[in-house]
Amino acid sequence: MSQINQTILVPVGFSSQSLIALEQAVNVAKMLGAELTLLSVIEESGFFARVFGDTNDEIMFELKKKAQAKLEELAENIRKKENLEVTTLVSKGKVYQKVVEVSEMINASYIVMGTNGQPKEFQKKLIGSNAFRVVSTANCPVITIKGQTHYDGCKRIILPLDLEKETKEKVKYAVQLGKLWNATINIVSVVNSSDDEEMRRLKGTVRQVQRYITDKGLECSSELVLRSKGTRLVKTILDYAKAKDADLVVIMTQQELEFTPNFVGSSAQSIIYNSEIPVMSIRPRVSDNYNFDLP
């Protein structure tokens, strides 16, 4: 991916979590030399309308003016402090739809957005979350930011691998970001048993990917982790990431393509909801490319 003329789209709802995500987007933009586009989406019954205390259609124009003014204030601070190009946009509609539409309109390289984690059970079944709907439908990688404490930079990237659902795109993005930050990449494969055939195949895949990453000049380690009986796959991965003091987890959403964005119980969705570490989600461009065919 070229580092020229890249744009990072940041949805800003003026919640504390979206402002934390904006801080992280600024860090990424500085490393990439990228431009920022800040987007606020006004939903009539949404958070933004509640912030300003105005929900009537007749004053929507005033709401947009207020949103634009707040975005411009944020943008001007970033321009002065970080010397970055920043554009602001305000739109009306459903948040996840507008985020995806704008990302395609501006040809965004990344979307960086905050998430408050897993919604209430009835909401999850019916509508999912804006963050996960964006992840499920956006054509560019999406970095979701949960939690309150993050660092300026990325020293360690966790790259979960398995035998069925991965493509080389995830490895490519991990390498690109690893080079930007001179980060170490930790490959982790979670196994359900000590089955000799499964272990053999996993070891072969991991060796191939690790060799590819080290050939790119990055420090890379790998580990096969046996999942304890009764322990969920997602917990095993997130516990591993926490133990390694990781700054980013890179996942694919290949398995999500077979379901609606509201599908409940998928590993990718659960990682996005539960990880306190930023997660980069990549929706593969070639849906049937399940194998690592790395040069």
Foldseek 3Di string as FASTA:
>chain_A
DQLPAAEEEQEPLPDPQSVVLVVQVLLVCLLSVYAYEYEYEDELPDDLCVVVVHRDPVCVVVSQVVVVVVVVVVQVVCCVPPVHHYHYDYYYDDLLVVSQVVCVVSVHQEYTGEDAFFDDPVCLLPPNDSQLSNLLDHQHKYKYAYADDADSAWAEEEEEDAQFQDECVLLVVVLVRCVSRLHEYEYEYEDADVPPVRVVVVVVQVVVSCVVSVVSVHHYYYDYHYDDPPDDPLVVSLVVCVVVVGQEYEEECLVCVVDPSSDPDDSVSNNSRPHNHIYIYHYDPDSPRGGYPDD
